[in-house]
Protein backbone atom coordinates (compact mmCIF):
# COMPACT_ATOMS: atom_id res chain seq x y z
CA MET A 1 -13.35 -7.91 1.54
CA GLN A 2 -13.49 -8.13 -2.24
CA PHE A 3 -10.94 -9.78 -4.53
CA SER A 4 -10.09 -8.64 -8.04
CA VAL A 5 -7.48 -9.56 -10.65
CA VAL A 6 -5.03 -7.23 -12.38
CA THR A 7 -3.79 -7.95 -15.90
CA PRO A 8 -0.10 -8.19 -14.99
CA LEU A 9 1.52 -6.78 -18.18
CA TRP A 10 4.81 -8.51 -17.36
CA GLN A 11 7.50 -7.20 -19.68
CA ASP A 12 9.15 -10.61 -19.94
CA ARG A 13 5.99 -12.30 -21.25
CA ALA A 14 3.98 -12.13 -24.47
CA PRO A 15 1.27 -9.42 -24.21
CA GLY A 16 -1.42 -11.85 -25.37
CA GLU A 17 -1.00 -13.76 -22.10
CA ASN A 18 -3.04 -11.04 -20.42
CA MET A 19 -6.19 -12.10 -22.28
CA GLU A 20 -5.74 -15.62 -20.93
CA VAL A 21 -5.46 -14.15 -17.43
CA ALA A 22 -8.69 -12.22 -18.10
CA ARG A 23 -10.56 -15.32 -19.23
CA LEU A 24 -9.33 -17.27 -16.22
CA ALA A 25 -10.31 -14.54 -13.78
CA ASP A 26 -13.79 -14.48 -15.31
CA GLN A 27 -14.17 -18.26 -15.11
CA LEU A 28 -13.08 -18.27 -11.48
CA GLY A 29 -15.69 -15.72 -10.42
CA PHE A 30 -13.56 -12.71 -9.54
CA GLY A 31 -15.57 -9.50 -9.36
CA ASP A 32 -13.42 -7.15 -11.43
CA LEU A 33 -10.57 -7.19 -13.90
CA TRP A 34 -8.18 -4.25 -13.56
CA ILE A 35 -6.62 -3.18 -16.85
CA GLY A 36 -3.64 -0.90 -16.62
CA GLU A 37 -1.71 0.75 -19.41
CA MET A 38 1.99 1.03 -20.02
CA ALA A 39 3.80 -0.01 -23.19
CA THR A 40 1.68 -2.57 -25.04
CA TYR A 41 -2.11 -2.48 -25.26
CA ASP A 42 -4.22 0.65 -25.17
CA ALA A 43 -6.27 0.16 -22.01
CA PHE A 44 -9.66 0.93 -23.58
CA ALA A 45 -8.97 -1.36 -26.54
CA PHE A 46 -7.94 -4.24 -24.29
CA ALA A 47 -10.90 -3.67 -21.97
CA THR A 48 -13.30 -3.85 -24.91
CA ALA A 49 -11.69 -7.06 -26.18
CA ALA A 50 -11.72 -8.57 -22.69
CA GLY A 51 -15.37 -7.67 -22.21
CA LEU A 52 -16.27 -9.38 -25.47
CA GLN A 53 -14.27 -12.50 -24.67
CA THR A 54 -15.52 -13.04 -21.11
CA ARG A 55 -18.98 -13.57 -19.63
CA GLN A 56 -19.48 -11.55 -16.48
CA ILE A 57 -16.42 -9.96 -14.90
CA GLY A 58 -16.51 -6.20 -14.34
CA LEU A 59 -13.90 -3.96 -15.94
CA ALA A 60 -11.77 -1.44 -14.04
CA ILE A 61 -9.61 0.63 -16.40
CA GLY A 62 -6.46 2.38 -15.26
CA PRO A 63 -4.80 4.04 -13.56
CA LEU A 64 -4.60 6.33 -16.59
CA ALA A 65 -2.08 9.15 -16.52
CA VAL A 66 -3.91 12.48 -16.22
CA SER A 67 -0.95 14.26 -17.82
CA VAL A 68 -1.45 12.17 -20.96
CA ARG A 69 -5.23 11.77 -21.39
CA SER A 70 -7.72 14.62 -21.15
CA PRO A 71 -10.87 14.29 -19.03
CA MET A 72 -12.96 14.18 -22.21
CA THR A 73 -10.98 11.29 -23.73
CA ILE A 74 -11.15 9.39 -20.44
CA ALA A 75 -14.92 9.88 -20.16
CA MET A 76 -15.47 8.99 -23.83
CA GLY A 77 -13.25 5.93 -23.46
CA VAL A 78 -14.97 4.48 -20.41
CA ALA A 79 -18.41 5.20 -21.89
CA SER A 80 -17.34 3.45 -25.09
CA VAL A 81 -16.22 0.34 -23.25
CA ALA A 82 -19.41 0.22 -21.18
CA ASP A 83 -21.58 0.64 -24.29
CA LEU A 84 -19.72 -1.90 -26.45
CA THR A 85 -19.40 -4.60 -23.80
CA GLY A 86 -22.49 -4.08 -21.64
CA ARG A 87 -20.27 -4.53 -18.57
CA ARG A 88 -19.97 -2.61 -15.34
CA THR A 89 -17.01 -0.35 -16.13
CA GLN A 90 -14.95 1.72 -13.72
CA ILE A 91 -12.11 4.19 -14.16
CA ALA A 92 -8.94 4.94 -12.20
CA LEU A 93 -6.75 8.02 -12.47
CA GLY A 94 -3.05 8.20 -11.74
CA ALA A 95 0.10 10.25 -12.24
CA SER A 96 2.33 7.63 -13.91
CA SER A 97 6.08 8.23 -14.07
CA THR A 98 8.32 10.91 -15.51
CA VAL A 99 9.69 8.43 -18.05
CA VAL A 100 6.22 7.52 -19.36
CA VAL A 101 4.75 11.03 -19.33
CA GLU A 102 7.68 13.22 -20.37
CA GLU A 103 9.98 10.90 -22.32
CA TRP A 104 7.48 8.60 -24.02
CA HIS A 105 4.54 10.97 -24.48
CA GLY A 106 6.38 14.29 -24.58
CA ARG A 107 4.03 15.87 -22.04
CA GLU A 108 4.83 17.83 -18.90
CA ARG A 109 4.39 16.00 -15.60
CA ALA A 110 3.93 18.68 -12.93
CA ARG A 111 1.64 19.38 -9.96
CA THR A 112 0.18 15.93 -10.38
CA ALA A 113 -2.04 16.09 -7.29
CA THR A 114 -3.72 19.23 -8.64
CA HIS A 115 -4.07 17.56 -12.03
CA LEU A 116 -5.70 14.51 -10.41
CA ASP A 117 -8.09 16.70 -8.42
CA GLU A 118 -9.17 18.78 -11.41
CA THR A 119 -9.55 15.79 -13.72
CA ALA A 120 -11.69 14.02 -11.12
CA GLN A 121 -13.96 17.06 -10.81
CA ILE A 122 -14.54 17.16 -14.56
CA LEU A 123 -15.15 13.41 -14.75
CA LEU A 124 -17.70 13.56 -11.94
CA THR A 125 -19.71 15.87 -14.18
CA LEU A 126 -19.20 14.01 -17.46
CA LEU A 127 -19.80 10.52 -16.08
CA ALA A 128 -23.07 11.72 -14.57
CA GLY A 129 -24.22 12.69 -18.06
CA GLU A 130 -23.95 16.42 -17.47
CA LYS A 131 -22.27 19.11 -19.58
CA ALA A 132 -18.83 20.11 -18.34
CA ASN A 133 -17.89 23.74 -17.79
CA PHE A 134 -14.66 23.67 -15.80
CA ALA A 135 -11.40 25.54 -16.31
CA GLY A 136 -8.63 24.58 -13.90
CA ALA A 137 -4.94 25.26 -13.80
CA LEU A 138 -4.09 21.96 -15.49
CA ALA A 139 -7.35 20.37 -16.69
CA SER A 140 -10.35 21.90 -18.39
CA CYS A 141 -13.42 20.97 -20.41
CA ARG A 142 -16.09 23.35 -21.70
CA GLY A 143 -19.33 22.52 -23.44
CA TYR A 144 -18.92 18.74 -23.82
CA ARG A 145 -21.49 16.18 -22.77
CA LEU A 146 -21.24 12.45 -23.40
CA ARG A 147 -23.20 11.36 -26.48
CA LEU A 148 -23.24 7.77 -25.25
CA ASP A 149 -25.15 6.73 -22.15
CA ALA A 150 -23.36 8.05 -19.09
CA PRO A 151 -21.86 5.06 -17.22
CA ARG A 152 -22.07 6.84 -13.84
CA THR A 153 -19.00 4.92 -12.80
CA PRO A 154 -17.21 5.49 -9.48
CA ILE A 155 -13.84 7.22 -9.71
CA THR A 156 -10.66 5.75 -8.27
CA ILE A 157 -7.51 7.79 -7.67
CA ALA A 158 -4.17 6.02 -7.41
CA ALA A 159 -2.16 7.72 -4.70
CA PHE A 160 0.95 7.40 -2.59
CA GLY A 161 2.23 10.87 -1.73
CA PRO A 162 0.34 13.05 0.78
CA ALA A 163 -1.01 15.52 -1.80
CA ALA A 164 -2.44 12.76 -4.00
CA VAL A 165 -3.98 11.10 -0.95
CA ARG A 166 -5.68 14.39 -0.08
CA ALA A 167 -7.03 14.59 -3.62
CA ALA A 168 -8.45 11.09 -3.24
CA GLY A 169 -10.02 12.06 0.07
CA ARG A 170 -11.73 15.06 -1.55
CA ARG A 171 -12.87 13.57 -4.85
CA ALA A 172 -12.59 9.80 -5.16
CA ASP A 173 -14.94 6.94 -4.42
CA ARG A 174 -11.89 4.75 -3.89
CA MET A 175 -8.14 5.15 -3.43
CA LEU A 176 -5.78 2.72 -5.12
CA LEU A 177 -2.40 1.76 -3.68
CA ASN A 178 0.21 -0.29 -5.49
CA MET A 179 2.59 -2.70 -3.83
CA VAL A 180 2.59 -1.50 -0.23
CA THR A 181 3.33 -3.05 3.13
CA PRO A 182 0.47 -3.40 5.65
CA ALA A 183 2.11 -0.73 7.81
CA SER A 184 2.24 1.72 4.91
CA LEU A 185 -1.36 0.90 4.00
CA GLU A 186 -2.51 1.67 7.53
CA MET A 187 -0.70 5.01 7.52
CA LEU A 188 -2.05 6.03 4.11
CA ARG A 189 -5.60 5.02 4.99
CA GLY A 190 -5.33 7.24 8.07
CA GLN A 191 -4.27 10.16 5.87
CA LEU A 192 -7.17 9.41 3.53
CA ALA A 193 -9.67 9.39 6.39
CA SER A 194 -8.39 12.75 7.63
CA ALA A 195 -8.63 14.29 4.15
CA ALA A 196 -12.15 12.96 3.65
CA GLN A 197 -13.25 14.25 7.05
CA GLN A 198 -11.90 17.71 6.25
CA ALA A 199 -13.86 17.62 2.99
CA GLY A 200 -17.04 16.56 4.82
CA ARG A 201 -17.13 13.15 3.11
CA ASP A 202 -17.14 9.52 4.15
CA THR A 203 -13.77 7.80 3.84
CA PRO A 204 -13.40 6.28 0.36
CA GLU A 205 -12.70 2.57 0.03
CA VAL A 206 -9.11 1.41 -0.44
CA ALA A 207 -7.98 -1.07 -3.07
CA VAL A 208 -4.47 -2.53 -3.05
CA TRP A 209 -2.62 -4.04 -6.00
CA LEU A 210 -0.37 -6.81 -4.70
CA PRO A 211 1.99 -9.09 -6.64
CA CYS A 212 1.11 -12.66 -5.77
CA ALA A 213 2.35 -16.20 -6.26
CA VAL A 214 1.22 -19.38 -4.52
CA ASP A 215 4.05 -21.90 -4.00
CA PRO A 216 6.38 -19.96 -6.34
CA GLN A 217 9.21 -21.52 -8.29
CA ARG A 218 12.59 -19.83 -8.75
CA GLU A 219 11.59 -18.27 -12.06
CA THR A 220 8.42 -16.95 -10.46
CA ILE A 221 10.33 -15.12 -7.73
CA ASP A 222 12.75 -13.74 -10.31
CA GLN A 223 9.87 -12.32 -12.36
CA LEU A 224 8.47 -10.54 -9.32
CA LYS A 225 11.88 -9.19 -8.40
CA ARG A 226 12.40 -7.73 -11.88
CA ALA A 227 9.14 -5.82 -11.51
CA ILE A 228 10.26 -4.10 -8.31
CA VAL A 229 13.63 -2.79 -9.53
CA GLY A 230 12.24 0.54 -10.71
CA TYR A 231 10.54 1.27 -7.38
CA LEU A 232 13.50 0.90 -5.04
CA ALA A 233 14.92 4.40 -5.49
CA ALA A 234 11.58 6.16 -5.98
CA PRO A 235 10.52 8.75 -3.38
CA GLY A 236 8.03 7.27 -0.97
CA TYR A 237 8.55 3.69 -2.10
CA GLY A 238 12.17 3.74 -1.02
CA GLU A 239 11.26 5.06 2.42
CA MET A 240 8.56 2.41 2.78
CA MET A 241 11.04 -0.33 1.95
CA MET A 242 13.55 1.15 4.38
CA GLN A 243 10.91 0.97 7.11
CA ALA A 244 10.37 -2.68 6.16
CA GLY A 245 14.04 -3.40 6.89
CA PHE A 246 15.74 -2.90 3.51
CA SER A 247 17.68 0.32 4.13
CA GLU A 248 20.96 -0.91 2.65
CA LEU A 249 19.24 -2.06 -0.52
CA VAL A 250 17.50 1.30 -0.98
CA ALA A 251 20.76 3.16 -0.41
CA PHE A 252 22.38 0.97 -3.05
CA ALA A 253 19.50 1.63 -5.46
CA ARG A 254 19.89 5.39 -4.98
CA SER A 255 23.57 5.15 -5.87
CA ARG A 256 22.32 4.40 -9.43
CA PRO A 257 23.89 0.99 -10.02
CA HIS A 258 23.36 -0.93 -13.24
CA PRO A 259 19.84 -2.46 -13.17
CA LYS A 260 21.33 -5.96 -13.42
CA ALA A 261 23.47 -5.36 -10.32
CA LEU A 262 20.47 -3.99 -8.45
CA LEU A 263 18.34 -6.97 -9.44
CA GLU A 264 20.99 -9.36 -8.14
CA ALA A 265 21.04 -7.49 -4.83
CA ILE A 266 17.30 -7.84 -4.17
CA PRO A 267 16.58 -10.52 -1.55
CA ASP A 268 13.59 -12.80 -2.02
CA GLU A 269 12.18 -11.51 1.27
CA LEU A 270 11.49 -8.09 -0.24
CA ILE A 271 8.79 -9.51 -2.53
CA ALA A 272 6.99 -11.07 0.41
CA ALA A 273 7.12 -7.73 2.25
CA VAL A 274 5.05 -5.95 -0.41
CA GLY A 275 2.97 -8.80 -1.79
CA LEU A 276 1.37 -12.19 -1.33
CA VAL A 277 4.00 -14.88 -1.80
CA GLY A 278 4.27 -18.36 -0.30
CA SER A 279 1.98 -21.21 0.66
CA GLU A 280 -1.79 -20.81 0.74
CA SER A 281 -1.76 -20.60 4.53
CA VAL A 282 1.00 -17.97 4.55
CA ILE A 283 -0.90 -15.90 1.99
CA ALA A 284 -4.17 -16.25 3.92
CA SER A 285 -2.44 -14.86 7.00
CA ARG A 286 -0.91 -12.05 4.95
CA ILE A 287 -4.30 -11.12 3.47
CA GLU A 288 -5.68 -10.81 6.98
CA GLU A 289 -2.87 -8.35 7.79
CA TYR A 290 -3.90 -6.21 4.85
CA ARG A 291 -7.56 -6.43 5.85
CA GLN A 292 -6.79 -5.26 9.37
CA ALA A 293 -4.64 -2.45 7.97
CA GLY A 294 -7.63 -1.13 6.01
CA ALA A 295 -7.84 -2.83 2.61
CA ASP A 296 -11.36 -3.16 1.23
CA ASN A 297 -10.31 -4.75 -2.06
CA ILE A 298 -7.31 -6.99 -2.67
CA CYS A 299 -6.29 -6.81 -6.33
CA LEU A 300 -4.15 -9.79 -7.29
CA VAL A 301 -1.30 -9.24 -9.75
CA PRO A 302 -0.47 -12.88 -10.56
CA ALA A 303 3.03 -13.94 -11.47
CA THR A 304 2.96 -16.05 -14.63
CA ALA A 305 6.53 -17.29 -14.94
CA GLY A 306 6.50 -20.87 -13.71
CA ASP A 307 2.69 -20.67 -13.44
CA ALA A 308 1.04 -20.34 -16.84
CA HIS A 309 -1.49 -17.49 -16.83
CA GLY A 310 -1.15 -17.42 -13.02
CA GLU A 311 -3.59 -20.32 -12.86
CA ARG A 312 -2.17 -22.01 -9.77
CA THR A 313 -2.30 -18.75 -7.84
CA LEU A 314 -5.72 -17.62 -9.08
CA ARG A 315 -7.34 -21.01 -8.52
CA ALA A 316 -6.03 -21.05 -4.93
CA LEU A 317 -7.35 -17.55 -4.18
CA ALA A 318 -10.54 -17.66 -6.25
CA PRO A 319 -13.97 -16.92 -4.70
CA THR A 320 -15.59 -19.80 -6.63
CA PRO A 321 -14.27 -23.07 -8.07
CA MET A 322 -13.31 -23.14 -11.72
CA GLU A 323 -15.94 -24.58 -14.05
């Protein structure tokens, strides 16, 4: 099993903290740094800066919303980062949320599984250095070929719903799941294997983003709880949390309470159900549950409140000792 680090992008912390997390992950010998995108840094810009300020860690960019970025801009972006940093650079595709896509970017978010599938097909061509000639229902690219060296990077698709999982089974080298229970991971990996078999492919690897905190303080737990508020009422996530024993909480979330009231209702146990929280021995046992459920790559999203830059957590879970 491989271990990676995710730049956490906590909304209650200064954005620059993420570069300190990147440097620490590099020093500790983690294989890859995942760089998402939401409301602060452009993912390609941050990836370039991180590559120039670290020594060896690989860069995994995304998930990037396919309703916001075209296949050409994604291919050009990842090729730019690879060329400017000289690092192994990977890309992940996702659907993002209605708020981000439609309200922030003013784009339509519809038929996202089809959009993921078509974007992946175009990127498979572009990232291999070939000229694209594809016209789909939602994504197209005609006549463009990368002018930079083709990075030939594997493609990851972030999935949760059945249609997106099928798209990952057909097109992706890896499927990415965010904040899931081991039981949900096992179910989704089974769906992925079936989709890949139907497409005549080997089952892609599975990477899992998990919030984590070793020996957390009160402020650490509170930070992790704030990050989960928006997921409680979401389709799929709500059902997963109900299966984990939090039915009343999900029902309350779907009654649309004030976010502060919902935050106050979240028990500490919920964080441990969808992440890695507790002592080193508790977390080691939890990681084994995820491994047995089908995770190939554990991607650590370190809490930083009460643990500057997530150092306590990352040092405890690092593959090599810090220099």
